[in-house]
Amino acid sequence: MAITQSPGRLSGIDAARGIALFGMMSTHVFPLYLEGSSEASWIGATFSGRSSALFALVAGIGLALLTGGNA
Protein backbone atom coordinates (compact mmCIF):
# COMPACT_ATOMS: atom_id res chain seq x y z
CA MET A 1 0.00 0.00 0.00
CA ALA A 2 1.54 3.28 -1.08
CA ILE A 3 1.11 6.40 1.02
CA THR A 4 -0.39 9.14 -1.09
CA GLN A 5 -0.58 12.77 -0.14
CA SER A 6 -3.01 15.39 -1.34
CA PRO A 7 -1.35 17.97 -3.59
CA GLY A 8 -1.78 20.83 -1.11
CA ARG A 9 0.13 19.20 1.79
CA LEU A 10 3.76 19.95 2.65
CA SER A 11 5.36 16.92 4.25
CA GLY A 12 8.08 18.93 6.00
CA ILE A 13 5.50 21.03 7.83
CA ASP A 14 3.60 17.89 8.82
CA ALA A 15 6.80 16.25 10.08
CA ALA A 16 7.75 19.32 12.13
CA ARG A 17 4.25 19.41 13.62
CA GLY A 18 4.53 15.73 14.55
CA ILE A 19 7.93 16.23 16.20
CA ALA A 20 6.57 19.19 18.16
CA LEU A 21 3.57 17.19 19.36
CA PHE A 22 5.80 14.27 20.36
CA GLY A 23 8.05 16.62 22.31
CA MET A 24 5.17 18.28 24.13
CA MET A 25 3.67 14.91 25.06
CA SER A 26 7.08 13.71 26.28
CA THR A 27 7.48 16.68 28.60
CA HIS A 28 4.06 16.01 30.11
CA VAL A 29 4.52 12.25 30.56
CA PHE A 30 8.16 11.80 31.53
CA PRO A 31 10.00 13.53 34.42
CA LEU A 32 11.94 16.66 33.51
CA TYR A 33 14.41 16.36 36.37
CA LEU A 34 16.37 13.44 37.75
CA GLU A 35 14.95 12.06 40.96
CA GLY A 36 16.42 13.71 44.03
CA SER A 37 18.46 16.35 42.20
CA SER A 38 18.05 19.56 40.28
CA GLU A 39 19.79 18.14 37.20
CA ALA A 40 17.62 17.93 34.09
CA SER A 41 16.82 14.55 32.57
CA TRP A 42 17.51 14.01 28.88
CA ILE A 43 13.80 14.61 28.13
CA GLY A 44 13.92 17.89 30.03
CA ALA A 45 17.16 18.97 28.40
CA THR A 46 16.03 18.06 24.90
CA PHE A 47 12.36 18.99 24.66
CA SER A 48 11.51 21.45 27.43
CA GLY A 49 10.49 24.74 25.81
CA ARG A 50 11.79 23.82 22.37
CA SER A 51 8.81 21.72 21.35
CA SER A 52 6.25 24.37 22.24
CA ALA A 53 8.29 26.99 20.37
CA LEU A 54 8.49 24.68 17.34
CA PHE A 55 4.73 24.14 17.49
CA ALA A 56 4.10 27.90 17.61
CA LEU A 57 6.45 28.41 14.66
CA VAL A 58 4.75 25.70 12.61
CA ALA A 59 1.33 27.14 13.50
CA GLY A 60 2.48 30.53 12.22
CA ILE A 61 3.75 29.00 9.00
CA GLY A 62 0.44 27.18 8.60
CA LEU A 63 -1.51 30.41 9.09
CA ALA A 64 0.72 32.22 6.58
CA LEU A 65 0.12 29.49 3.99
CA LEU A 66 -3.61 29.42 4.77
CA THR A 67 -3.98 33.13 4.13
CA GLY A 68 -2.27 32.95 0.74
CA GLY A 69 1.39 33.24 1.65
CA ASN A 70 2.30 30.74 -1.08
CA ALA A 71 0.53 32.72 -3.82
PDB file of N, CA and C in Angstrom:
ATOM      1  N   MET A   1       0.837  -1.160   0.000  1.00  0.00           N
ATOM      2  CA  MET A   1       0.000   0.000   0.000  1.00  0.00           C
ATOM      3  C   MET A   1       0.896   1.241   0.000  1.00  0.00           C
ATOM      4  N   ALA A   2       0.741   2.064  -0.972  1.00  0.00           N
ATOM      5  CA  ALA A   2       1.539   3.282  -1.078  1.00  0.00           C
ATOM      6  C   ALA A   2       0.845   4.411  -0.331  1.00  0.00           C
ATOM      7  N   ILE A   3       1.651   5.243   0.310  1.00  0.00           N
ATOM      8  CA  ILE A   3       1.111   6.401   1.018  1.00  0.00           C
ATOM      9  C   ILE A   3       1.013   7.536   0.012  1.00  0.00           C
ATOM     10  N   THR A   4      -0.185   8.024  -0.173  1.00  0.00           N
ATOM     11  CA  THR A   4      -0.391   9.144  -1.092  1.00  0.00           C
ATOM     12  C   THR A   4      -0.721  10.380  -0.282  1.00  0.00           C
ATOM     13  N   GLN A   5      -0.373  11.512  -0.818  1.00  0.00           N
ATOM     14  CA  GLN A   5      -0.585  12.767  -0.136  1.00  0.00           C
ATOM     15  C   GLN A   5      -1.343  13.696  -1.065  1.00  0.00           C
ATOM     16  N   SER A   6      -2.276  14.442  -0.506  1.00  0.00           N
ATOM     17  CA  SER A   6      -3.006  15.387  -1.341  1.00  0.00           C
ATOM     18  C   SER A   6      -2.046  16.454  -1.840  1.00  0.00           C
ATOM     19  N   PRO A   7      -2.315  17.047  -2.994  1.00  0.00           N
ATOM     20  CA  PRO A   7      -1.352  17.968  -3.594  1.00  0.00           C
ATOM     21  C   PRO A   7      -1.086  19.225  -2.776  1.00  0.00           C
ATOM     22  N   GLY A   8      -1.975  19.606  -1.865  1.00  0.00           N
ATOM     23  CA  GLY A   8      -1.780  20.828  -1.107  1.00  0.00           C
ATOM     24  C   GLY A   8      -0.986  20.658   0.177  1.00  0.00           C
ATOM     25  N   ARG A   9      -0.567  19.443   0.527  1.00  0.00           N
ATOM     26  CA  ARG A   9       0.131  19.196   1.789  1.00  0.00           C
ATOM     27  C   ARG A   9       1.645  19.330   1.607  1.00  0.00           C
ATOM     28  N   LEU A  10       2.302  19.859   2.629  1.00  0.00           N
ATOM     29  CA  LEU A  10       3.759  19.948   2.653  1.00  0.00           C
ATOM     30  C   LEU A  10       4.256  18.990   3.724  1.00  0.00           C
ATOM     31  N   SER A  11       4.970  17.966   3.314  1.00  0.00           N
ATOM     32  CA  SER A  11       5.358  16.916   4.252  1.00  0.00           C
ATOM     33  C   SER A  11       6.334  17.421   5.317  1.00  0.00           C
ATOM     34  N   GLY A  12       7.155  18.386   5.012  1.00  0.00           N
ATOM     35  CA  GLY A  12       8.081  18.931   5.996  1.00  0.00           C
ATOM     36  C   GLY A  12       7.362  19.630   7.139  1.00  0.00           C
ATOM     37  N   ILE A  13       6.306  20.360   6.817  1.00  0.00           N
ATOM     38  CA  ILE A  13       5.503  21.033   7.835  1.00  0.00           C
ATOM     39  C   ILE A  13       4.800  20.000   8.700  1.00  0.00           C
ATOM     40  N   ASP A  14       4.260  18.963   8.065  1.00  0.00           N
ATOM     41  CA  ASP A  14       3.596  17.894   8.817  1.00  0.00           C
ATOM     42  C   ASP A  14       4.572  17.158   9.724  1.00  0.00           C
ATOM     43  N   ALA A  15       5.792  16.923   9.258  1.00  0.00           N
ATOM     44  CA  ALA A  15       6.800  16.247  10.075  1.00  0.00           C
ATOM     45  C   ALA A  15       7.205  17.118  11.268  1.00  0.00           C
ATOM     46  N   ALA A  16       7.394  18.415  11.039  1.00  0.00           N
ATOM     47  CA  ALA A  16       7.753  19.321  12.131  1.00  0.00           C
ATOM     48  C   ALA A  16       6.631  19.394  13.162  1.00  0.00           C
ATOM     49  N   ARG A  17       5.389  19.396  12.705  1.00  0.00           N
ATOM     50  CA  ARG A  17       4.253  19.410  13.624  1.00  0.00           C
ATOM     51  C   ARG A  17       4.212  18.126  14.448  1.00  0.00           C
ATOM     52  N   GLY A  18       4.504  17.004  13.834  1.00  0.00           N
ATOM     53  CA  GLY A  18       4.534  15.734  14.552  1.00  0.00           C
ATOM     54  C   GLY A  18       5.639  15.683  15.594  1.00  0.00           C
ATOM     55  N   ILE A  19       6.815  16.190  15.240  1.00  0.00           N
ATOM     56  CA  ILE A  19       7.927  16.231  16.197  1.00  0.00           C
ATOM     57  C   ILE A  19       7.585  17.135  17.371  1.00  0.00           C
ATOM     58  N   ALA A  20       6.956  18.276  17.092  1.00  0.00           N
ATOM     59  CA  ALA A  20       6.565  19.192  18.163  1.00  0.00           C
ATOM     60  C   ALA A  20       5.541  18.546  19.087  1.00  0.00           C
ATOM     61  N   LEU A  21       4.569  17.862  18.531  1.00  0.00           N
ATOM     62  CA  LEU A  21       3.569  17.187  19.360  1.00  0.00           C
ATOM     63  C   LEU A  21       4.197  16.082  20.197  1.00  0.00           C
ATOM     64  N   PHE A  22       5.096  15.313  19.609  1.00  0.00           N
ATOM     65  CA  PHE A  22       5.801  14.269  20.358  1.00  0.00           C
ATOM     66  C   PHE A  22       6.595  14.871  21.511  1.00  0.00           C
ATOM     67  N   GLY A  23       7.271  15.964  21.265  1.00  0.00           N
ATOM     68  CA  GLY A  23       8.052  16.622  22.305  1.00  0.00           C
ATOM     69  C   GLY A  23       7.183  17.158  23.428  1.00  0.00           C
ATOM     70  N   MET A  24       6.053  17.757  23.094  1.00  0.00           N
ATOM     71  CA  MET A  24       5.168  18.278  24.127  1.00  0.00           C
ATOM     72  C   MET A  24       4.559  17.149  24.950  1.00  0.00           C
ATOM     73  N   MET A  25       4.193  16.050  24.304  1.00  0.00           N
ATOM     74  CA  MET A  25       3.666  14.910  25.058  1.00  0.00           C
ATOM     75  C   MET A  25       4.746  14.310  25.952  1.00  0.00           C
ATOM     76  N   SER A  26       5.975  14.262  25.480  1.00  0.00           N
ATOM     77  CA  SER A  26       7.080  13.709  26.280  1.00  0.00           C
ATOM     78  C   SER A  26       7.319  14.528  27.538  1.00  0.00           C
ATOM     79  N   THR A  27       7.242  15.849  27.428  1.00  0.00           N
ATOM     80  CA  THR A  27       7.483  16.679  28.604  1.00  0.00           C
ATOM     81  C   THR A  27       6.351  16.577  29.619  1.00  0.00           C
ATOM     82  N   HIS A  28       5.173  16.172  29.178  1.00  0.00           N
ATOM     83  CA  HIS A  28       4.063  16.015  30.114  1.00  0.00           C
ATOM     84  C   HIS A  28       4.009  14.620  30.728  1.00  0.00           C
ATOM     85  N   VAL A  29       4.589  13.629  30.075  1.00  0.00           N
ATOM     86  CA  VAL A  29       4.516  12.252  30.559  1.00  0.00           C
ATOM     87  C   VAL A  29       5.752  11.875  31.373  1.00  0.00           C
ATOM     88  N   PHE A  30       6.916  12.208  30.892  1.00  0.00           N
ATOM     89  CA  PHE A  30       8.164  11.800  31.534  1.00  0.00           C
ATOM     90  C   PHE A  30       8.684  12.889  32.469  1.00  0.00           C
ATOM     91  N   PRO A  31       9.464  12.513  33.486  1.00  0.00           N
ATOM     92  CA  PRO A  31       9.997  13.527  34.420  1.00  0.00           C
ATOM     93  C   PRO A  31      11.038  14.420  33.744  1.00  0.00           C
ATOM     94  N   LEU A  32      10.997  15.700  34.097  1.00  0.00           N
ATOM     95  CA  LEU A  32      11.936  16.656  33.508  1.00  0.00           C
ATOM     96  C   LEU A  32      13.237  16.744  34.286  1.00  0.00           C
ATOM     97  N   TYR A  33      13.217  16.313  35.534  1.00  0.00           N
ATOM     98  CA  TYR A  33      14.412  16.364  36.371  1.00  0.00           C
ATOM     99  C   TYR A  33      14.702  14.982  36.921  1.00  0.00           C
ATOM    100  N   LEU A  34      15.979  14.704  37.159  1.00  0.00           N
ATOM    101  CA  LEU A  34      16.369  13.441  37.751  1.00  0.00           C
ATOM    102  C   LEU A  34      15.887  13.393  39.197  1.00  0.00           C
ATOM    103  N   GLU A  35      15.515  12.213  39.627  1.00  0.00           N
ATOM    104  CA  GLU A  35      14.946  12.061  40.959  1.00  0.00           C
ATOM    105  C   GLU A  35      15.959  12.416  42.039  1.00  0.00           C
ATOM    106  N   GLY A  36      15.569  13.330  42.919  1.00  0.00           N
ATOM    107  CA  GLY A  36      16.422  13.712  44.033  1.00  0.00           C
ATOM    108  C   GLY A  36      17.480  14.748  43.715  1.00  0.00           C
ATOM    109  N   SER A  37      17.475  15.321  42.524  1.00  0.00           N
ATOM    110  CA  SER A  37      18.459  16.354  42.200  1.00  0.00           C
ATOM    111  C   SER A  37      17.812  17.427  41.343  1.00  0.00           C
ATOM    112  N   SER A  38      18.557  18.488  41.123  1.00  0.00           N
ATOM    113  CA  SER A  38      18.046  19.561  40.277  1.00  0.00           C
ATOM    114  C   SER A  38      18.590  19.464  38.848  1.00  0.00           C
ATOM    115  N   GLU A  39      19.234  18.349  38.531  1.00  0.00           N
ATOM    116  CA  GLU A  39      19.786  18.140  37.196  1.00  0.00           C
ATOM    117  C   GLU A  39      18.684  17.681  36.244  1.00  0.00           C
ATOM    118  N   ALA A  40      18.655  18.254  35.059  1.00  0.00           N
ATOM    119  CA  ALA A  40      17.616  17.929  34.087  1.00  0.00           C
ATOM    120  C   ALA A  40      17.838  16.540  33.500  1.00  0.00           C
ATOM    121  N   SER A  41      16.742  15.834  33.269  1.00  0.00           N
ATOM    122  CA  SER A  41      16.822  14.548  32.573  1.00  0.00           C
ATOM    123  C   SER A  41      17.029  14.822  31.091  1.00  0.00           C
ATOM    124  N   TRP A  42      17.276  13.776  30.312  1.00  0.00           N
ATOM    125  CA  TRP A  42      17.510  14.012  28.880  1.00  0.00           C
ATOM    126  C   TRP A  42      16.230  14.490  28.201  1.00  0.00           C
ATOM    127  N   ILE A  43      15.067  14.094  28.683  1.00  0.00           N
ATOM    128  CA  ILE A  43      13.805  14.610  28.129  1.00  0.00           C
ATOM    129  C   ILE A  43      13.698  16.102  28.422  1.00  0.00           C
ATOM    130  N   GLY A  44      13.989  16.481  29.656  1.00  0.00           N
ATOM    131  CA  GLY A  44      13.922  17.886  30.031  1.00  0.00           C
ATOM    132  C   GLY A  44      14.925  18.738  29.276  1.00  0.00           C
ATOM    133  N   ALA A  45      16.124  18.214  29.101  1.00  0.00           N
ATOM    134  CA  ALA A  45      17.162  18.973  28.404  1.00  0.00           C
ATOM    135  C   ALA A  45      16.890  19.081  26.905  1.00  0.00           C
ATOM    136  N   THR A  46      16.238  18.077  26.348  1.00  0.00           N
ATOM    137  CA  THR A  46      16.026  18.055  24.902  1.00  0.00           C
ATOM    138  C   THR A  46      14.757  18.782  24.471  1.00  0.00           C
ATOM    139  N   PHE A  47      13.648  18.526  25.162  1.00  0.00           N
ATOM    140  CA  PHE A  47      12.359  18.988  24.664  1.00  0.00           C
ATOM    141  C   PHE A  47      11.756  20.164  25.405  1.00  0.00           C
ATOM    142  N   SER A  48      12.169  20.440  26.624  1.00  0.00           N
ATOM    143  CA  SER A  48      11.515  21.455  27.434  1.00  0.00           C
ATOM    144  C   SER A  48      11.641  22.842  26.796  1.00  0.00           C
ATOM    145  N   GLY A  49      10.523  23.407  26.419  1.00  0.00           N
ATOM    146  CA  GLY A  49      10.492  24.738  25.810  1.00  0.00           C
ATOM    147  C   GLY A  49      10.700  24.738  24.316  1.00  0.00           C
ATOM    148  N   ARG A  50      11.515  23.840  23.814  1.00  0.00           N
ATOM    149  CA  ARG A  50      11.789  23.824  22.371  1.00  0.00           C
ATOM    150  C   ARG A  50      10.602  23.309  21.567  1.00  0.00           C
ATOM    151  N   SER A  51       9.917  22.309  22.103  1.00  0.00           N
ATOM    152  CA  SER A  51       8.813  21.720  21.346  1.00  0.00           C
ATOM    153  C   SER A  51       7.640  22.678  21.248  1.00  0.00           C
ATOM    154  N   SER A  52       7.347  23.413  22.320  1.00  0.00           N
ATOM    155  CA  SER A  52       6.251  24.371  22.243  1.00  0.00           C
ATOM    156  C   SER A  52       6.608  25.534  21.310  1.00  0.00           C
ATOM    157  N   ALA A  53       7.866  25.939  21.303  1.00  0.00           N
ATOM    158  CA  ALA A  53       8.295  26.989  20.373  1.00  0.00           C
ATOM    159  C   ALA A  53       8.210  26.506  18.927  1.00  0.00           C
ATOM    160  N   LEU A  54       8.599  25.247  18.690  1.00  0.00           N
ATOM    161  CA  LEU A  54       8.488  24.680  17.344  1.00  0.00           C
ATOM    162  C   LEU A  54       7.028  24.602  16.906  1.00  0.00           C
ATOM    163  N   PHE A  55       6.141  24.214  17.833  1.00  0.00           N
ATOM    164  CA  PHE A  55       4.725  24.135  17.492  1.00  0.00           C
ATOM    165  C   PHE A  55       4.169  25.522  17.149  1.00  0.00           C
ATOM    166  N   ALA A  56       4.548  26.537  17.903  1.00  0.00           N
ATOM    167  CA  ALA A  56       4.098  27.896  17.611  1.00  0.00           C
ATOM    168  C   ALA A  56       4.628  28.371  16.264  1.00  0.00           C
ATOM    169  N   LEU A  57       5.870  28.040  15.956  1.00  0.00           N
ATOM    170  CA  LEU A  57       6.448  28.413  14.663  1.00  0.00           C
ATOM    171  C   LEU A  57       5.710  27.739  13.514  1.00  0.00           C
ATOM    172  N   VAL A  58       5.449  26.446  13.667  1.00  0.00           N
ATOM    173  CA  VAL A  58       4.751  25.704  12.610  1.00  0.00           C
ATOM    174  C   VAL A  58       3.316  26.207  12.467  1.00  0.00           C
ATOM    175  N   ALA A  59       2.682  26.579  13.572  1.00  0.00           N
ATOM    176  CA  ALA A  59       1.330  27.142  13.502  1.00  0.00           C
ATOM    177  C   ALA A  59       1.347  28.461  12.733  1.00  0.00           C
ATOM    178  N   GLY A  60       2.358  29.271  12.964  1.00  0.00           N
ATOM    179  CA  GLY A  60       2.478  30.529  12.221  1.00  0.00           C
ATOM    180  C   GLY A  60       2.707  30.303  10.744  1.00  0.00           C
ATOM    181  N   ILE A  61       3.523  29.324  10.410  1.00  0.00           N
ATOM    182  CA  ILE A  61       3.750  28.997   8.995  1.00  0.00           C
ATOM    183  C   ILE A  61       2.452  28.500   8.362  1.00  0.00           C
ATOM    184  N   GLY A  62       1.722  27.672   9.098  1.00  0.00           N
ATOM    185  CA  GLY A  62       0.439  27.178   8.595  1.00  0.00           C
ATOM    186  C   GLY A  62      -0.558  28.296   8.354  1.00  0.00           C
ATOM    187  N   LEU A  63      -0.607  29.265   9.273  1.00  0.00           N
ATOM    188  CA  LEU A  63      -1.506  30.408   9.085  1.00  0.00           C
ATOM    189  C   LEU A  63      -1.071  31.259   7.895  1.00  0.00           C
ATOM    190  N   ALA A  64       0.221  31.433   7.719  1.00  0.00           N
ATOM    191  CA  ALA A  64       0.715  32.222   6.581  1.00  0.00           C
ATOM    192  C   ALA A  64       0.354  31.533   5.262  1.00  0.00           C
ATOM    193  N   LEU A  65       0.478  30.211   5.213  1.00  0.00           N
ATOM    194  CA  LEU A  65       0.125  29.493   3.991  1.00  0.00           C
ATOM    195  C   LEU A  65      -1.385  29.486   3.775  1.00  0.00           C
ATOM    196  N   LEU A  66      -2.150  29.430   4.864  1.00  0.00           N
ATOM    197  CA  LEU A  66      -3.607  29.418   4.769  1.00  0.00           C
ATOM    198  C   LEU A  66      -4.141  30.733   4.222  1.00  0.00           C
ATOM    199  N   THR A  67      -3.492  31.822   4.568  1.00  0.00           N
ATOM    200  CA  THR A  67      -3.977  33.133   4.126  1.00  0.00           C
ATOM    201  C   THR A  67      -3.409  33.550   2.769  1.00  0.00           C
ATOM    202  N   GLY A  68      -2.753  32.643   2.090  1.00  0.00           N
ATOM    203  CA  GLY A  68      -2.275  32.946   0.742  1.00  0.00           C
ATOM    204  C   GLY A  68      -0.821  33.317   0.668  1.00  0.00           C
ATOM    205  N   GLY A  69      -0.030  32.902   1.645  1.00  0.00           N
ATOM    206  CA  GLY A  69       1.387  33.237   1.651  1.00  0.00           C
ATOM    207  C   GLY A  69       2.156  32.548   0.536  1.00  0.00           C
ATOM    208  N   ASN A  70       1.628  31.474  -0.010  1.00  0.00           N
ATOM    209  CA  ASN A  70       2.297  30.740  -1.085  1.00  0.00           C
ATOM    210  C   ASN A  70       2.001  31.355  -2.452  1.00  0.00           C
ATOM    211  N   ALA A  71       0.952  32.153  -2.528  1.00  0.00           N
ATOM    212  CA  ALA A  71       0.531  32.719  -3.820  1.00  0.00           C
ATOM    213  C   ALA A  71       1.296  33.989  -4.150  1.00  0.00           C
TER     214      ALA A  71
END
